[in-house]
Amino acid sequence: MAASKSPRLRLLHMRDEIESLSKELAGLSFEAYRESYGLRRTTERAIQIVSEAARALPEELRARYPDVPWADIIAIGNPLRHEYHRIDDRVLWETATVDLPKLLPIILRMLAEYES
């Protein structure tokens, strides 16, 4: 299987982006985030990568985790690519600081399936 088609590799991408972004934003306020062009772009790109990686996961794998809002995770990639001028900083902040940290343990559990 090509690396780009590997569900394990896509899960690793998701894990790495979530963990790295969490470290970048740790201890920051929304105001500090909003004032930093670099942090906003980093956040957009990390969320876009998570979205793309989720989209590439096989449907049968996503179906084993029905509590994950896969459709929302996948859908956020479109505005990040095509409607970047309409991106709401608050939505990305909430996604990065609330939603992605909730997703991380599930991604780790999914990765554990591949390890066993």
C-alpha atoms as a PDB file:
ATOM      1  CA  MET A   1       0.000   0.000   0.000  1.00  0.00           C
ATOM      2  CA  ALA A   2       1.341   3.415  -0.915  1.00  0.00           C
ATOM      3  CA  ALA A   3       2.263   5.577   2.065  1.00  0.00           C
ATOM      4  CA  SER A   4      -0.325   8.176   1.092  1.00  0.00           C
ATOM      5  CA  LYS A   5      -3.040   5.509   1.244  1.00  0.00           C
ATOM      6  CA  SER A   6      -1.941   4.061   4.562  1.00  0.00           C
ATOM      7  CA  PRO A   7      -4.569   4.603   7.270  1.00  0.00           C
ATOM      8  CA  ARG A   8      -1.863   4.241   9.909  1.00  0.00           C
ATOM      9  CA  LEU A   9       0.190   7.009   8.309  1.00  0.00           C
ATOM     10  CA  ARG A  10      -2.876   9.255   8.095  1.00  0.00           C
ATOM     11  CA  LEU A  11      -3.622   8.629  11.768  1.00  0.00           C
ATOM     12  CA  LEU A  12      -0.012   9.509  12.599  1.00  0.00           C
ATOM     13  CA  HIS A  13      -0.403  12.762  10.666  1.00  0.00           C
ATOM     14  CA  MET A  14      -3.533  13.551  12.664  1.00  0.00           C
ATOM     15  CA  ARG A  15      -1.842  12.711  15.965  1.00  0.00           C
ATOM     16  CA  ASP A  16       1.234  14.769  15.170  1.00  0.00           C
ATOM     17  CA  GLU A  17      -0.737  17.831  14.074  1.00  0.00           C
ATOM     18  CA  ILE A  18      -3.015  17.736  17.116  1.00  0.00           C
ATOM     19  CA  GLU A  19      -0.132  17.278  19.555  1.00  0.00           C
ATOM     20  CA  SER A  20       2.029  19.961  17.933  1.00  0.00           C
ATOM     21  CA  LEU A  21      -0.783  22.477  17.694  1.00  0.00           C
ATOM     22  CA  SER A  22      -1.753  21.877  21.318  1.00  0.00           C
ATOM     23  CA  LYS A  23       1.828  22.664  22.347  1.00  0.00           C
ATOM     24  CA  GLU A  24       1.880  25.844  20.231  1.00  0.00           C
ATOM     25  CA  LEU A  25      -1.344  27.141  21.754  1.00  0.00           C
ATOM     26  CA  ALA A  26      -0.802  25.977  25.349  1.00  0.00           C
ATOM     27  CA  GLY A  27      -1.270  28.770  27.860  1.00  0.00           C
ATOM     28  CA  LEU A  28      -2.349  31.344  25.277  1.00  0.00           C
ATOM     29  CA  SER A  29      -5.488  33.400  25.399  1.00  0.00           C
ATOM     30  CA  PHE A  30      -7.786  33.810  22.424  1.00  0.00           C
ATOM     31  CA  GLU A  31      -6.674  37.427  22.180  1.00  0.00           C
ATOM     32  CA  ALA A  32      -3.005  36.440  21.937  1.00  0.00           C
ATOM     33  CA  TYR A  33      -3.901  33.875  19.301  1.00  0.00           C
ATOM     34  CA  ARG A  34      -5.962  36.356  17.305  1.00  0.00           C
ATOM     35  CA  GLU A  35      -3.156  38.926  17.331  1.00  0.00           C
ATOM     36  CA  SER A  36      -0.609  36.447  15.940  1.00  0.00           C
ATOM     37  CA  TYR A  37      -0.681  35.976  12.181  1.00  0.00           C
ATOM     38  CA  GLY A  38       1.741  33.057  12.493  1.00  0.00           C
ATOM     39  CA  LEU A  39      -0.354  31.205  15.061  1.00  0.00           C
ATOM     40  CA  ARG A  40      -3.522  31.690  13.034  1.00  0.00           C
ATOM     41  CA  ARG A  41      -1.852  30.323   9.872  1.00  0.00           C
ATOM     42  CA  THR A  42      -0.293  27.442  11.820  1.00  0.00           C
ATOM     43  CA  THR A  43      -3.701  26.589  13.257  1.00  0.00           C
ATOM     44  CA  GLU A  44      -5.409  26.743   9.874  1.00  0.00           C
ATOM     45  CA  ARG A  45      -2.824  24.464   8.299  1.00  0.00           C
ATOM     46  CA  ALA A  46      -2.877  21.940  11.152  1.00  0.00           C
ATOM     47  CA  ILE A  47      -6.675  21.717  11.025  1.00  0.00           C
ATOM     48  CA  GLN A  48      -6.551  21.390   7.252  1.00  0.00           C
ATOM     49  CA  ILE A  49      -4.094  18.481   7.536  1.00  0.00           C
ATOM     50  CA  VAL A  50      -6.285  16.767  10.139  1.00  0.00           C
ATOM     51  CA  SER A  51      -9.265  17.233   7.829  1.00  0.00           C
ATOM     52  CA  GLU A  52      -7.469  15.820   4.796  1.00  0.00           C
ATOM     53  CA  ALA A  53      -6.098  12.877   6.753  1.00  0.00           C
ATOM     54  CA  ALA A  54      -9.575  12.087   8.109  1.00  0.00           C
ATOM     55  CA  ARG A  55     -11.005  12.232   4.603  1.00  0.00           C
ATOM     56  CA  ALA A  56      -8.410   9.688   3.461  1.00  0.00           C
ATOM     57  CA  LEU A  57      -9.282   7.168   6.181  1.00  0.00           C
ATOM     58  CA  PRO A  58     -11.325   4.216   4.950  1.00  0.00           C
ATOM     59  CA  GLU A  59     -15.033   4.594   5.627  1.00  0.00           C
ATOM     60  CA  GLU A  60     -15.107   1.241   7.427  1.00  0.00           C
ATOM     61  CA  LEU A  61     -12.472   2.504   9.864  1.00  0.00           C
ATOM     62  CA  ARG A  62     -14.362   5.744  10.525  1.00  0.00           C
ATOM     63  CA  ALA A  63     -17.572   3.735  10.969  1.00  0.00           C
ATOM     64  CA  ARG A  64     -16.034   1.898  13.941  1.00  0.00           C
ATOM     65  CA  TYR A  65     -15.919   5.255  15.747  1.00  0.00           C
ATOM     66  CA  PRO A  66     -19.411   6.667  15.208  1.00  0.00           C
ATOM     67  CA  ASP A  67     -19.130   9.188  18.065  1.00  0.00           C
ATOM     68  CA  VAL A  68     -16.473  11.123  16.147  1.00  0.00           C
ATOM     69  CA  PRO A  69     -17.990  13.903  14.015  1.00  0.00           C
ATOM     70  CA  TRP A  70     -16.141  12.723  10.890  1.00  0.00           C
ATOM     71  CA  ALA A  71     -18.353  14.696   8.508  1.00  0.00           C
ATOM     72  CA  ASP A  72     -17.585  17.938  10.361  1.00  0.00           C
ATOM     73  CA  ILE A  73     -13.865  17.182  10.533  1.00  0.00           C
ATOM     74  CA  ILE A  74     -13.749  16.493   6.815  1.00  0.00           C
ATOM     75  CA  ALA A  75     -15.990  19.426   5.909  1.00  0.00           C
ATOM     76  CA  ILE A  76     -13.867  22.076   7.645  1.00  0.00           C
ATOM     77  CA  GLY A  77     -11.149  21.525   5.043  1.00  0.00           C
ATOM     78  CA  ASN A  78     -13.207  23.083   2.244  1.00  0.00           C
ATOM     79  CA  PRO A  79     -13.540  26.555   3.740  1.00  0.00           C
ATOM     80  CA  LEU A  80      -9.885  26.462   4.766  1.00  0.00           C
ATOM     81  CA  ARG A  81      -8.929  25.844   1.140  1.00  0.00           C
ATOM     82  CA  HIS A  82     -11.555  27.805  -0.742  1.00  0.00           C
ATOM     83  CA  GLU A  83     -13.171  30.351   1.568  1.00  0.00           C
ATOM     84  CA  TYR A  84     -10.163  31.328   3.655  1.00  0.00           C
ATOM     85  CA  HIS A  85     -11.334  34.954   3.641  1.00  0.00           C
ATOM     86  CA  ARG A  86     -14.425  33.928   5.614  1.00  0.00           C
ATOM     87  CA  ILE A  87     -12.670  31.935   8.315  1.00  0.00           C
ATOM     88  CA  ASP A  88     -13.784  32.885  11.800  1.00  0.00           C
ATOM     89  CA  ASP A  89     -10.863  33.039  14.231  1.00  0.00           C
ATOM     90  CA  ARG A  90     -13.117  31.998  17.112  1.00  0.00           C
ATOM     91  CA  VAL A  91     -14.250  28.837  15.275  1.00  0.00           C
ATOM     92  CA  LEU A  92     -10.660  27.797  14.591  1.00  0.00           C
ATOM     93  CA  TRP A  93      -9.644  28.589  18.165  1.00  0.00           C
ATOM     94  CA  GLU A  94     -12.469  26.434  19.533  1.00  0.00           C
ATOM     95  CA  THR A  95     -11.631  23.667  17.085  1.00  0.00           C
ATOM     96  CA  ALA A  96      -7.960  23.750  18.070  1.00  0.00           C
ATOM     97  CA  THR A  97      -8.382  24.109  21.826  1.00  0.00           C
ATOM     98  CA  VAL A  98     -11.576  22.124  22.490  1.00  0.00           C
ATOM     99  CA  ASP A  99     -12.404  19.754  19.650  1.00  0.00           C
ATOM    100  CA  LEU A 100      -8.972  18.483  18.610  1.00  0.00           C
ATOM    101  CA  PRO A 101      -7.879  17.637  22.178  1.00  0.00           C
ATOM    102  CA  LYS A 102     -11.052  15.519  22.489  1.00  0.00           C
ATOM    103  CA  LEU A 103     -10.187  13.771  19.225  1.00  0.00           C
ATOM    104  CA  LEU A 104      -6.622  12.892  20.229  1.00  0.00           C
ATOM    105  CA  PRO A 105      -7.428   9.962  22.577  1.00  0.00           C
ATOM    106  CA  ILE A 106      -9.581   8.421  19.861  1.00  0.00           C
ATOM    107  CA  ILE A 107      -6.803   8.767  17.309  1.00  0.00           C
ATOM    108  CA  LEU A 108      -4.421   7.129  19.788  1.00  0.00           C
ATOM    109  CA  ARG A 109      -6.882   4.260  20.270  1.00  0.00           C
ATOM    110  CA  MET A 110      -7.173   3.850  16.503  1.00  0.00           C
ATOM    111  CA  LEU A 111      -3.394   3.752  16.208  1.00  0.00           C
ATOM    112  CA  ALA A 112      -3.236   1.119  18.926  1.00  0.00           C
ATOM    113  CA  GLU A 113      -5.363  -1.117  16.679  1.00  0.00           C
ATOM    114  CA  TYR A 114      -2.586  -1.034  14.118  1.00  0.00           C
ATOM    115  CA  GLU A 115       0.054  -1.795  16.717  1.00  0.00           C
ATOM    116  CA  SER A 116      -1.711  -4.967  17.864  1.00  0.00           C
END
